[in-house]
Amino acid sequence: MKIMFLRILKTIGSFLLNFIEAIITALAIFVIIYLFLFQPHQVKGNSMRTSLLESFHDKEYLLTNKLVYNFDQPQRGDIVIFRAPHNQDYDYIKRIIGLPGETIKIEDGQVYINDQVLDESDYLPEEVKTNPGKFLKEGEEMTIPLRKYFVVGDNRPNSYDSRTWGFISIKDIVGKAWLRYWPVKKMGLIDYKKITY
């Protein structure tokens, strides 16, 4: 009887040990993925919301690819998550439209990159106009410094972005929006189209 009881205790102990090992392994994998590969983010506000189906709405959830910019530079059209310039504890989601070394200008509702009109028809409805802001005024041309980017929300009339507070630094970019996972009906990889000017 005592031997049987010891065997049962040993079996239960072995099961609990294996269970705890599995939990610790899963947590370690989760922490590694969270810290170095992907991070969940919630869209806050409607600065990326347009009439197009692909737009981003308040309270949607995304997975951010944190690894991608270790191997490649941010590209025009990338939707990036970055630390807000005025509050480093808060993350923003915006679209990159200006790259380091380029000149940028806003005039008559159009964005000009290196004196050429930027074609944003793949992600902006035709009626959307881009107004200037406090930082980049109407008709003023600026050169984007090295390792800096000009970012804007797709909901141009309702976006607090580079037009108001200036360029963002590569070091403040957390990563690239990669996958929308909530709401479930819109779940999927984020489709990036080539943007030209």
N, C-alpha and C. Protein backbone atom coordinates (compact mmCIF):
# COMPACT_ATOMS: atom_id res chain seq x y z
N MET A 1 0.83 -1.20 0.00
CA MET A 1 0.00 0.00 0.00
C MET A 1 0.87 1.25 0.00
N LYS A 2 1.91 1.24 0.87
CA LYS A 2 2.81 2.38 0.96
C LYS A 2 3.56 2.57 -0.35
N ILE A 3 3.99 1.47 -0.98
CA ILE A 3 4.73 1.53 -2.24
C ILE A 3 3.83 2.12 -3.34
N MET A 4 2.57 1.68 -3.37
CA MET A 4 1.63 2.19 -4.37
C MET A 4 1.42 3.70 -4.17
N PHE A 5 1.29 4.10 -2.91
CA PHE A 5 1.08 5.52 -2.60
C PHE A 5 2.30 6.34 -3.07
N LEU A 6 3.52 5.81 -2.83
CA LEU A 6 4.74 6.50 -3.26
C LEU A 6 4.81 6.61 -4.78
N ARG A 7 4.36 5.53 -5.48
CA ARG A 7 4.35 5.56 -6.95
C ARG A 7 3.38 6.63 -7.47
N ILE A 8 2.22 6.72 -6.84
CA ILE A 8 1.24 7.73 -7.24
C ILE A 8 1.81 9.13 -7.01
N LEU A 9 2.45 9.33 -5.85
CA LEU A 9 3.07 10.63 -5.55
C LEU A 9 4.16 10.96 -6.57
N LYS A 10 4.96 9.97 -6.93
CA LYS A 10 6.03 10.16 -7.90
C LYS A 10 5.45 10.52 -9.26
N THR A 11 4.39 9.84 -9.66
CA THR A 11 3.73 10.13 -10.95
C THR A 11 3.16 11.54 -10.97
N ILE A 12 2.48 11.91 -9.88
CA ILE A 12 1.92 13.27 -9.78
C ILE A 12 3.05 14.30 -9.79
N GLY A 13 4.11 14.04 -9.05
CA GLY A 13 5.25 14.96 -9.00
C GLY A 13 5.89 15.13 -10.36
N SER A 14 6.05 14.01 -11.09
CA SER A 14 6.64 14.04 -12.43
C SER A 14 5.75 14.83 -13.38
N PHE A 15 4.42 14.61 -13.29
CA PHE A 15 3.46 15.35 -14.13
C PHE A 15 3.55 16.85 -13.84
N LEU A 16 3.55 17.23 -12.55
CA LEU A 16 3.62 18.65 -12.18
C LEU A 16 4.93 19.28 -12.64
N LEU A 17 6.02 18.56 -12.51
CA LEU A 17 7.31 19.06 -12.96
C LEU A 17 7.31 19.30 -14.47
N ASN A 18 6.78 18.34 -15.24
CA ASN A 18 6.69 18.49 -16.69
C ASN A 18 5.78 19.66 -17.08
N PHE A 19 4.67 19.80 -16.33
CA PHE A 19 3.73 20.88 -16.58
C PHE A 19 4.40 22.25 -16.34
N ILE A 20 5.11 22.36 -15.22
CA ILE A 20 5.80 23.62 -14.88
C ILE A 20 6.88 23.92 -15.92
N GLU A 21 7.61 22.91 -16.36
CA GLU A 21 8.64 23.09 -17.40
C GLU A 21 8.00 23.62 -18.69
N ALA A 22 6.86 23.04 -19.08
CA ALA A 22 6.18 23.48 -20.30
C ALA A 22 5.72 24.93 -20.19
N ILE A 23 5.18 25.31 -19.02
CA ILE A 23 4.73 26.69 -18.79
C ILE A 23 5.92 27.66 -18.87
N ILE A 24 7.02 27.31 -18.22
CA ILE A 24 8.21 28.18 -18.23
C ILE A 24 8.76 28.32 -19.64
N THR A 25 8.80 27.21 -20.39
CA THR A 25 9.28 27.26 -21.77
C THR A 25 8.38 28.15 -22.63
N ALA A 26 7.06 27.98 -22.48
CA ALA A 26 6.12 28.80 -23.25
C ALA A 26 6.27 30.28 -22.90
N LEU A 27 6.42 30.59 -21.62
CA LEU A 27 6.61 31.98 -21.20
C LEU A 27 7.91 32.56 -21.75
N ALA A 28 8.96 31.77 -21.72
CA ALA A 28 10.25 32.23 -22.26
C ALA A 28 10.14 32.53 -23.75
N ILE A 29 9.47 31.64 -24.48
CA ILE A 29 9.28 31.86 -25.92
C ILE A 29 8.45 33.12 -26.15
N PHE A 30 7.38 33.29 -25.38
CA PHE A 30 6.53 34.47 -25.50
C PHE A 30 7.33 35.75 -25.24
N VAL A 31 8.15 35.75 -24.19
CA VAL A 31 8.94 36.94 -23.85
C VAL A 31 9.93 37.26 -24.96
N ILE A 32 10.59 36.25 -25.50
CA ILE A 32 11.55 36.46 -26.60
C ILE A 32 10.83 37.05 -27.82
N ILE A 33 9.67 36.46 -28.18
CA ILE A 33 8.90 36.97 -29.31
C ILE A 33 8.47 38.41 -29.05
N TYR A 34 7.97 38.69 -27.86
CA TYR A 34 7.47 40.02 -27.52
C TYR A 34 8.59 41.07 -27.52
N LEU A 35 9.75 40.71 -26.96
CA LEU A 35 10.83 41.69 -26.84
C LEU A 35 11.58 41.92 -28.14
N PHE A 36 11.71 40.87 -28.97
CA PHE A 36 12.59 40.98 -30.12
C PHE A 36 11.92 40.82 -31.48
N LEU A 37 10.79 40.16 -31.58
CA LEU A 37 10.22 39.88 -32.89
C LEU A 37 8.92 40.63 -33.18
N PHE A 38 7.89 40.37 -32.41
CA PHE A 38 6.58 40.96 -32.66
C PHE A 38 6.00 41.52 -31.37
N GLN A 39 5.23 42.60 -31.50
CA GLN A 39 4.61 43.20 -30.34
C GLN A 39 3.18 43.62 -30.70
N PRO A 40 2.22 43.32 -29.84
CA PRO A 40 0.85 43.77 -30.12
C PRO A 40 0.70 45.27 -29.85
N HIS A 41 -0.09 45.93 -30.67
CA HIS A 41 -0.41 47.34 -30.48
C HIS A 41 -1.89 47.57 -30.75
N GLN A 42 -2.46 48.47 -30.01
CA GLN A 42 -3.85 48.86 -30.26
C GLN A 42 -3.85 50.21 -30.97
N VAL A 43 -4.66 50.31 -32.03
CA VAL A 43 -4.83 51.58 -32.71
C VAL A 43 -5.64 52.49 -31.79
N LYS A 44 -5.11 53.68 -31.54
CA LYS A 44 -5.81 54.64 -30.68
C LYS A 44 -6.15 55.86 -31.51
N GLY A 45 -7.44 56.12 -31.67
CA GLY A 45 -7.87 57.25 -32.47
C GLY A 45 -8.12 56.85 -33.91
N ASN A 46 -8.46 57.85 -34.72
CA ASN A 46 -8.82 57.58 -36.11
C ASN A 46 -7.92 58.29 -37.12
N SER A 47 -6.67 58.53 -36.75
CA SER A 47 -5.77 59.24 -37.67
C SER A 47 -5.42 58.42 -38.90
N MET A 48 -5.65 57.10 -38.87
CA MET A 48 -5.36 56.24 -40.02
C MET A 48 -6.65 55.74 -40.67
N ARG A 49 -7.79 56.29 -40.29
CA ARG A 49 -9.08 55.83 -40.82
C ARG A 49 -9.47 56.63 -42.05
N THR A 50 -9.82 55.91 -43.12
CA THR A 50 -10.34 56.55 -44.33
C THR A 50 -11.58 55.77 -44.77
N SER A 51 -12.12 56.13 -45.91
CA SER A 51 -13.30 55.42 -46.41
C SER A 51 -12.93 54.09 -47.07
N LEU A 52 -11.65 53.80 -47.20
CA LEU A 52 -11.21 52.55 -47.82
C LEU A 52 -11.26 51.40 -46.81
N LEU A 53 -11.51 50.20 -47.28
CA LEU A 53 -11.63 49.03 -46.40
C LEU A 53 -10.34 48.73 -45.65
N GLU A 54 -9.18 49.05 -46.24
CA GLU A 54 -7.90 48.71 -45.63
C GLU A 54 -7.50 49.66 -44.52
N SER A 55 -8.28 50.70 -44.27
CA SER A 55 -7.87 51.70 -43.27
C SER A 55 -7.91 51.11 -41.86
N PHE A 56 -7.31 51.84 -40.92
CA PHE A 56 -7.19 51.37 -39.54
C PHE A 56 -8.12 52.18 -38.65
N HIS A 57 -8.91 51.48 -37.86
CA HIS A 57 -9.92 52.12 -37.02
C HIS A 57 -9.52 52.06 -35.55
N ASP A 58 -10.07 52.98 -34.79
CA ASP A 58 -9.84 53.02 -33.34
C ASP A 58 -10.15 51.66 -32.71
N LYS A 59 -9.28 51.23 -31.81
CA LYS A 59 -9.42 50.00 -31.02
C LYS A 59 -9.15 48.71 -31.80
N GLU A 60 -8.66 48.80 -33.03
CA GLU A 60 -8.21 47.60 -33.72
C GLU A 60 -6.85 47.18 -33.14
N TYR A 61 -6.54 45.89 -33.27
CA TYR A 61 -5.27 45.38 -32.76
C TYR A 61 -4.39 44.89 -33.90
N LEU A 62 -3.09 45.24 -33.79
CA LEU A 62 -2.11 44.87 -34.80
C LEU A 62 -0.94 44.16 -34.14
N LEU A 63 -0.24 43.35 -34.93
CA LEU A 63 1.06 42.84 -34.53
C LEU A 63 2.11 43.66 -35.27
N THR A 64 3.07 44.17 -34.53
CA THR A 64 4.14 44.98 -35.09
C THR A 64 5.38 44.12 -35.26
N ASN A 65 5.94 44.13 -36.47
CA ASN A 65 7.19 43.42 -36.74
C ASN A 65 8.35 44.30 -36.26
N LYS A 66 9.01 43.89 -35.18
CA LYS A 66 10.08 44.69 -34.59
C LYS A 66 11.45 44.37 -35.19
N LEU A 67 11.52 43.30 -35.97
CA LEU A 67 12.80 42.82 -36.48
C LEU A 67 13.13 43.39 -37.86
N VAL A 68 12.11 43.74 -38.63
CA VAL A 68 12.27 44.05 -40.05
C VAL A 68 13.30 45.14 -40.31
N TYR A 69 13.36 46.18 -39.49
CA TYR A 69 14.27 47.28 -39.77
C TYR A 69 15.70 47.03 -39.27
N ASN A 70 15.94 45.83 -38.74
CA ASN A 70 17.31 45.42 -38.47
C ASN A 70 17.99 44.95 -39.76
N PHE A 71 17.17 44.62 -40.77
CA PHE A 71 17.70 44.07 -42.02
C PHE A 71 17.43 44.97 -43.22
N ASP A 72 16.52 45.92 -43.08
CA ASP A 72 16.12 46.77 -44.20
C ASP A 72 15.77 48.15 -43.66
N GLN A 73 15.84 49.14 -44.52
CA GLN A 73 15.47 50.50 -44.13
C GLN A 73 13.97 50.69 -44.31
N PRO A 74 13.35 51.55 -43.50
CA PRO A 74 11.93 51.88 -43.73
C PRO A 74 11.74 52.44 -45.13
N GLN A 75 10.62 52.09 -45.73
CA GLN A 75 10.31 52.50 -47.10
C GLN A 75 9.10 53.42 -47.11
N ARG A 76 9.00 54.20 -48.18
CA ARG A 76 7.81 55.03 -48.35
C ARG A 76 6.58 54.13 -48.41
N GLY A 77 5.56 54.51 -47.68
CA GLY A 77 4.33 53.72 -47.65
C GLY A 77 4.24 52.78 -46.46
N ASP A 78 5.37 52.51 -45.81
CA ASP A 78 5.34 51.65 -44.62
C ASP A 78 4.48 52.30 -43.54
N ILE A 79 3.67 51.49 -42.89
CA ILE A 79 2.90 51.95 -41.73
C ILE A 79 3.72 51.55 -40.51
N VAL A 80 4.17 52.55 -39.78
CA VAL A 80 5.09 52.29 -38.68
C VAL A 80 4.48 52.68 -37.34
N ILE A 81 4.93 51.98 -36.33
CA ILE A 81 4.57 52.30 -34.95
C ILE A 81 5.85 52.90 -34.35
N PHE A 82 5.72 54.04 -33.70
CA PHE A 82 6.88 54.73 -33.16
C PHE A 82 6.50 55.46 -31.88
N ARG A 83 7.52 55.76 -31.09
CA ARG A 83 7.32 56.49 -29.85
C ARG A 83 6.98 57.94 -30.18
N ALA A 84 5.92 58.44 -29.59
CA ALA A 84 5.46 59.80 -29.87
C ALA A 84 6.54 60.81 -29.49
N PRO A 85 6.77 61.81 -30.34
CA PRO A 85 7.84 62.79 -30.08
C PRO A 85 7.68 63.54 -28.77
N HIS A 86 6.47 63.82 -28.36
CA HIS A 86 6.24 64.63 -27.16
C HIS A 86 5.96 63.78 -25.92
N ASN A 87 5.84 62.45 -26.10
CA ASN A 87 5.55 61.56 -24.97
C ASN A 87 6.08 60.17 -25.30
N GLN A 88 7.31 59.88 -24.85
CA GLN A 88 7.98 58.64 -25.23
C GLN A 88 7.31 57.39 -24.64
N ASP A 89 6.32 57.57 -23.75
CA ASP A 89 5.60 56.42 -23.20
C ASP A 89 4.40 56.04 -24.05
N TYR A 90 4.19 56.76 -25.13
CA TYR A 90 2.99 56.58 -25.96
C TYR A 90 3.43 56.26 -27.38
N ASP A 91 2.77 55.32 -28.02
CA ASP A 91 3.12 54.95 -29.40
C ASP A 91 2.08 55.49 -30.38
N TYR A 92 2.57 55.93 -31.55
CA TYR A 92 1.72 56.38 -32.64
C TYR A 92 1.80 55.39 -33.79
N ILE A 93 0.79 55.40 -34.64
CA ILE A 93 0.81 54.65 -35.90
C ILE A 93 0.58 55.66 -37.02
N LYS A 94 1.50 55.70 -37.98
CA LYS A 94 1.41 56.62 -39.12
C LYS A 94 2.06 55.97 -40.34
N ARG A 95 1.92 56.64 -41.48
CA ARG A 95 2.52 56.15 -42.72
C ARG A 95 3.72 57.02 -43.09
N ILE A 96 4.81 56.37 -43.49
CA ILE A 96 5.99 57.11 -43.96
C ILE A 96 5.73 57.60 -45.38
N ILE A 97 5.92 58.92 -45.60
CA ILE A 97 5.83 59.42 -46.97
C ILE A 97 7.12 60.11 -47.42
N GLY A 98 7.97 60.50 -46.47
CA GLY A 98 9.22 61.15 -46.83
C GLY A 98 10.42 60.44 -46.24
N LEU A 99 11.45 60.24 -47.06
CA LEU A 99 12.64 59.48 -46.66
C LEU A 99 13.85 60.40 -46.46
N PRO A 100 14.87 59.93 -45.73
CA PRO A 100 16.06 60.75 -45.49
C PRO A 100 16.68 61.26 -46.79
N GLY A 101 17.06 62.56 -46.78
CA GLY A 101 17.72 63.15 -47.94
C GLY A 101 16.78 63.73 -48.98
N GLU A 102 15.49 63.41 -48.90
CA GLU A 102 14.53 63.93 -49.87
C GLU A 102 14.05 65.32 -49.46
N THR A 103 13.56 66.07 -50.44
CA THR A 103 12.88 67.32 -50.11
C THR A 103 11.38 67.05 -50.11
N ILE A 104 10.67 67.74 -49.22
CA ILE A 104 9.23 67.57 -49.12
C ILE A 104 8.57 68.93 -49.07
N LYS A 105 7.40 69.02 -49.72
CA LYS A 105 6.65 70.27 -49.77
C LYS A 105 5.17 69.92 -49.86
N ILE A 106 4.34 70.74 -49.23
CA ILE A 106 2.88 70.60 -49.37
C ILE A 106 2.36 71.89 -50.00
N GLU A 107 1.63 71.71 -51.10
CA GLU A 107 1.12 72.87 -51.81
C GLU A 107 -0.19 72.50 -52.50
N ASP A 108 -1.20 73.34 -52.32
CA ASP A 108 -2.51 73.13 -52.94
C ASP A 108 -3.08 71.74 -52.69
N GLY A 109 -2.89 71.24 -51.47
CA GLY A 109 -3.46 69.94 -51.08
C GLY A 109 -2.68 68.73 -51.57
N GLN A 110 -1.52 68.95 -52.20
CA GLN A 110 -0.69 67.86 -52.74
C GLN A 110 0.63 67.80 -51.98
N VAL A 111 1.18 66.59 -51.88
CA VAL A 111 2.52 66.39 -51.32
C VAL A 111 3.50 66.27 -52.47
N TYR A 112 4.60 67.01 -52.38
CA TYR A 112 5.66 66.94 -53.39
C TYR A 112 6.91 66.38 -52.75
N ILE A 113 7.48 65.35 -53.39
CA ILE A 113 8.75 64.78 -52.98
C ILE A 113 9.74 65.06 -54.10
N ASN A 114 10.83 65.74 -53.76
CA ASN A 114 11.83 66.12 -54.76
C ASN A 114 11.17 66.79 -55.97
N ASP A 115 10.23 67.70 -55.70
CA ASP A 115 9.51 68.50 -56.71
C ASP A 115 8.56 67.69 -57.59
N GLN A 116 8.28 66.46 -57.23
CA GLN A 116 7.33 65.63 -57.97
C GLN A 116 6.12 65.32 -57.08
N VAL A 117 4.92 65.34 -57.67
CA VAL A 117 3.71 65.03 -56.89
C VAL A 117 3.75 63.58 -56.46
N LEU A 118 3.48 63.34 -55.18
CA LEU A 118 3.45 61.99 -54.63
C LEU A 118 2.11 61.35 -54.97
N ASP A 119 2.14 60.19 -55.62
CA ASP A 119 0.92 59.46 -55.97
C ASP A 119 0.51 58.60 -54.77
N GLU A 120 -0.58 58.99 -54.10
CA GLU A 120 -1.05 58.26 -52.93
C GLU A 120 -2.39 57.58 -53.19
N SER A 121 -2.70 57.37 -54.44
CA SER A 121 -4.02 56.85 -54.82
C SER A 121 -4.27 55.41 -54.36
N ASP A 122 -3.22 54.66 -54.05
CA ASP A 122 -3.40 53.27 -53.60
C ASP A 122 -3.95 53.17 -52.18
N TYR A 123 -3.78 54.22 -51.37
CA TYR A 123 -4.24 54.13 -49.99
C TYR A 123 -5.05 55.33 -49.52
N LEU A 124 -5.19 56.36 -50.34
CA LEU A 124 -6.01 57.51 -49.98
C LEU A 124 -7.17 57.67 -50.95
N PRO A 125 -8.37 57.93 -50.46
CA PRO A 125 -9.48 58.23 -51.37
C PRO A 125 -9.15 59.49 -52.17
N GLU A 126 -9.68 59.55 -53.37
CA GLU A 126 -9.37 60.63 -54.31
C GLU A 126 -9.64 62.02 -53.75
N GLU A 127 -10.69 62.14 -52.93
CA GLU A 127 -11.08 63.47 -52.44
C GLU A 127 -10.21 64.00 -51.30
N VAL A 128 -9.32 63.17 -50.75
CA VAL A 128 -8.50 63.59 -49.60
C VAL A 128 -7.42 64.56 -50.06
N LYS A 129 -7.34 65.69 -49.37
CA LYS A 129 -6.30 66.69 -49.61
C LYS A 129 -5.39 66.74 -48.39
N THR A 130 -4.12 67.05 -48.61
CA THR A 130 -3.16 67.16 -47.52
C THR A 130 -2.92 68.63 -47.23
N ASN A 131 -3.30 69.05 -46.06
CA ASN A 131 -3.07 70.43 -45.64
C ASN A 131 -1.73 70.54 -44.94
N PRO A 132 -1.12 71.73 -44.96
CA PRO A 132 0.13 71.93 -44.23
C PRO A 132 -0.13 72.01 -42.73
N GLY A 133 0.93 72.20 -41.96
CA GLY A 133 0.79 72.33 -40.51
C GLY A 133 1.75 73.37 -39.96
N LYS A 134 1.90 73.37 -38.64
CA LYS A 134 2.78 74.35 -37.99
C LYS A 134 4.25 74.13 -38.36
N PHE A 135 4.64 72.87 -38.54
CA PHE A 135 6.04 72.57 -38.86
C PHE A 135 6.33 72.76 -40.35
N LEU A 136 5.49 72.17 -41.19
CA LEU A 136 5.66 72.29 -42.65
C LEU A 136 4.52 73.14 -43.19
N LYS A 137 4.85 74.37 -43.49
CA LYS A 137 3.85 75.34 -43.91
C LYS A 137 3.59 75.26 -45.42
N GLU A 138 2.49 75.82 -45.85
CA GLU A 138 2.09 75.83 -47.26
C GLU A 138 3.22 76.35 -48.16
N GLY A 139 3.60 75.53 -49.15
CA GLY A 139 4.59 75.93 -50.14
C GLY A 139 6.03 75.93 -49.66
N GLU A 140 6.25 75.62 -48.38
CA GLU A 140 7.62 75.60 -47.83
C GLU A 140 8.26 74.25 -48.14
N GLU A 141 9.50 74.29 -48.62
CA GLU A 141 10.21 73.04 -48.94
C GLU A 141 11.26 72.77 -47.87
N MET A 142 11.31 71.52 -47.42
CA MET A 142 12.29 71.12 -46.41
C MET A 142 13.03 69.88 -46.88
N THR A 143 14.28 69.78 -46.45
CA THR A 143 15.06 68.56 -46.71
C THR A 143 15.00 67.70 -45.45
N ILE A 144 14.67 66.44 -45.65
CA ILE A 144 14.56 65.51 -44.52
C ILE A 144 15.97 65.08 -44.12
N PRO A 145 16.34 65.29 -42.84
CA PRO A 145 17.71 64.93 -42.40
C PRO A 145 17.95 63.42 -42.46
N LEU A 146 19.22 63.05 -42.43
CA LEU A 146 19.60 61.64 -42.40
C LEU A 146 19.02 60.97 -41.16
N ARG A 147 18.58 59.72 -41.33
CA ARG A 147 18.01 58.90 -40.26
C ARG A 147 16.70 59.46 -39.70
N LYS A 148 16.06 60.34 -40.48
CA LYS A 148 14.76 60.90 -40.09
C LYS A 148 13.73 60.60 -41.18
N TYR A 149 12.45 60.62 -40.78
CA TYR A 149 11.36 60.30 -41.69
C TYR A 149 10.21 61.28 -41.48
N PHE A 150 9.45 61.50 -42.56
CA PHE A 150 8.26 62.35 -42.48
C PHE A 150 7.06 61.41 -42.52
N VAL A 151 6.24 61.45 -41.47
CA VAL A 151 5.12 60.52 -41.34
C VAL A 151 3.81 61.29 -41.21
N VAL A 152 2.75 60.71 -41.79
CA VAL A 152 1.42 61.33 -41.71
C VAL A 152 0.37 60.24 -41.52
N GLY A 153 -0.78 60.66 -40.99
CA GLY A 153 -1.91 59.75 -40.90
C GLY A 153 -2.68 59.78 -42.22
N ASP A 154 -3.32 58.69 -42.55
CA ASP A 154 -4.12 58.64 -43.79
C ASP A 154 -5.37 59.51 -43.68
N ASN A 155 -5.85 59.72 -42.48
CA ASN A 155 -7.00 60.60 -42.26
C ASN A 155 -6.44 62.02 -42.11
N ARG A 156 -6.03 62.60 -43.23
CA ARG A 156 -5.26 63.84 -43.23
C ARG A 156 -5.91 65.00 -42.46
N PRO A 157 -7.22 65.21 -42.55
CA PRO A 157 -7.79 66.33 -41.80
C PRO A 157 -7.78 66.10 -40.28
N ASN A 158 -7.63 64.86 -39.84
CA ASN A 158 -7.72 64.53 -38.41
C ASN A 158 -6.51 63.75 -37.91
N SER A 159 -5.33 64.18 -38.33
CA SER A 159 -4.12 63.48 -37.91
C SER A 159 -3.11 64.48 -37.36
N TYR A 160 -2.58 64.15 -36.20
CA TYR A 160 -1.53 64.92 -35.55
C TYR A 160 -0.23 64.23 -35.94
N ASP A 161 0.58 64.84 -36.82
CA ASP A 161 1.70 64.12 -37.40
C ASP A 161 2.87 65.05 -37.72
N SER A 162 3.76 64.61 -38.61
CA SER A 162 4.97 65.37 -38.94
C SER A 162 4.69 66.77 -39.45
N ARG A 163 3.52 66.99 -40.01
CA ARG A 163 3.19 68.33 -40.48
C ARG A 163 3.16 69.32 -39.32
N THR A 164 2.87 68.82 -38.11
CA THR A 164 2.77 69.67 -36.93
C THR A 164 4.03 69.64 -36.09
N TRP A 165 4.59 68.44 -35.82
CA TRP A 165 5.71 68.35 -34.89
C TRP A 165 7.03 67.91 -35.50
N GLY A 166 7.09 67.72 -36.79
CA GLY A 166 8.38 67.46 -37.44
C GLY A 166 8.70 66.00 -37.70
N PHE A 167 9.94 65.77 -38.02
CA PHE A 167 10.42 64.45 -38.44
C PHE A 167 10.51 63.49 -37.25
N ILE A 168 10.48 62.19 -37.56
CA ILE A 168 10.75 61.19 -36.52
C ILE A 168 12.09 60.54 -36.81
N SER A 169 12.74 60.08 -35.77
CA SER A 169 14.05 59.45 -35.90
C SER A 169 13.89 57.94 -36.04
N ILE A 170 14.81 57.34 -36.77
CA ILE A 170 14.81 55.88 -36.92
C ILE A 170 14.86 55.19 -35.56
N LYS A 171 15.54 55.80 -34.60
CA LYS A 171 15.67 55.15 -33.28
C LYS A 171 14.35 55.11 -32.52
N ASP A 172 13.39 55.94 -32.91
CA ASP A 172 12.09 55.94 -32.23
C ASP A 172 11.07 55.00 -32.86
N ILE A 173 11.44 54.41 -34.01
CA ILE A 173 10.51 53.48 -34.67
C ILE A 173 10.56 52.13 -33.98
N VAL A 174 9.41 51.68 -33.48
CA VAL A 174 9.29 50.38 -32.82
C VAL A 174 9.29 49.27 -33.85
N GLY A 175 8.57 49.48 -34.95
CA GLY A 175 8.51 48.47 -36.00
C GLY A 175 7.47 48.81 -37.05
N LYS A 176 7.21 47.85 -37.90
CA LYS A 176 6.30 48.00 -39.04
C LYS A 176 5.03 47.21 -38.77
N ALA A 177 3.88 47.84 -39.00
CA ALA A 177 2.61 47.12 -38.83
C ALA A 177 2.61 45.93 -39.79
N TRP A 178 2.34 44.75 -39.25
CA TRP A 178 2.51 43.51 -40.02
C TRP A 178 1.21 42.74 -40.18
N LEU A 179 0.42 42.64 -39.12
CA LEU A 179 -0.78 41.80 -39.14
C LEU A 179 -1.86 42.45 -38.30
N ARG A 180 -3.06 42.51 -38.85
CA ARG A 180 -4.21 42.95 -38.05
C ARG A 180 -4.90 41.69 -37.55
N TYR A 181 -5.11 41.59 -36.22
CA TYR A 181 -5.74 40.38 -35.69
C TYR A 181 -7.05 40.65 -34.98
N TRP A 182 -7.45 41.91 -34.84
CA TRP A 182 -8.75 42.22 -34.27
C TRP A 182 -9.27 43.50 -34.91
N PRO A 183 -10.49 43.53 -35.39
CA PRO A 183 -11.52 42.49 -35.28
C PRO A 183 -11.22 41.30 -36.20
N VAL A 184 -11.75 40.15 -35.82
CA VAL A 184 -11.48 38.90 -36.53
C VAL A 184 -11.88 39.00 -38.00
N LYS A 185 -12.98 39.70 -38.31
CA LYS A 185 -13.44 39.76 -39.70
C LYS A 185 -12.46 40.51 -40.61
N LYS A 186 -11.55 41.31 -40.02
CA LYS A 186 -10.55 42.03 -40.81
C LYS A 186 -9.15 41.45 -40.62
N MET A 187 -9.07 40.26 -39.99
CA MET A 187 -7.78 39.65 -39.71
C MET A 187 -7.02 39.37 -41.00
N GLY A 188 -5.72 39.67 -40.99
CA GLY A 188 -4.88 39.35 -42.14
C GLY A 188 -3.62 40.18 -42.17
N LEU A 189 -2.70 39.77 -43.04
CA LEU A 189 -1.46 40.52 -43.22
C LEU A 189 -1.78 41.87 -43.84
N ILE A 190 -1.01 42.87 -43.49
CA ILE A 190 -1.22 44.21 -44.02
C ILE A 190 -0.60 44.29 -45.40
N ASP A 191 -1.39 44.74 -46.36
CA ASP A 191 -1.00 44.80 -47.76
C ASP A 191 -0.29 46.12 -48.04
N TYR A 192 0.97 46.03 -48.47
CA TYR A 192 1.73 47.24 -48.81
C TYR A 192 1.87 47.34 -50.31
N LYS A 193 1.48 48.48 -50.85
CA LYS A 193 1.61 48.72 -52.28
C LYS A 193 2.76 49.68 -52.51
N LYS A 194 3.40 49.54 -53.66
CA LYS A 194 4.51 50.44 -54.00
C LYS A 194 3.99 51.84 -54.24
N ILE A 195 4.64 52.83 -53.64
CA ILE A 195 4.22 54.22 -53.79
C ILE A 195 5.25 54.96 -54.61
N THR A 196 4.77 55.70 -55.59
CA THR A 196 5.68 56.40 -56.48
C THR A 196 5.40 57.90 -56.47
N TYR A 197 6.32 58.64 -57.02
CA TYR A 197 6.11 60.08 -57.21
C TYR A 197 6.69 60.49 -58.54
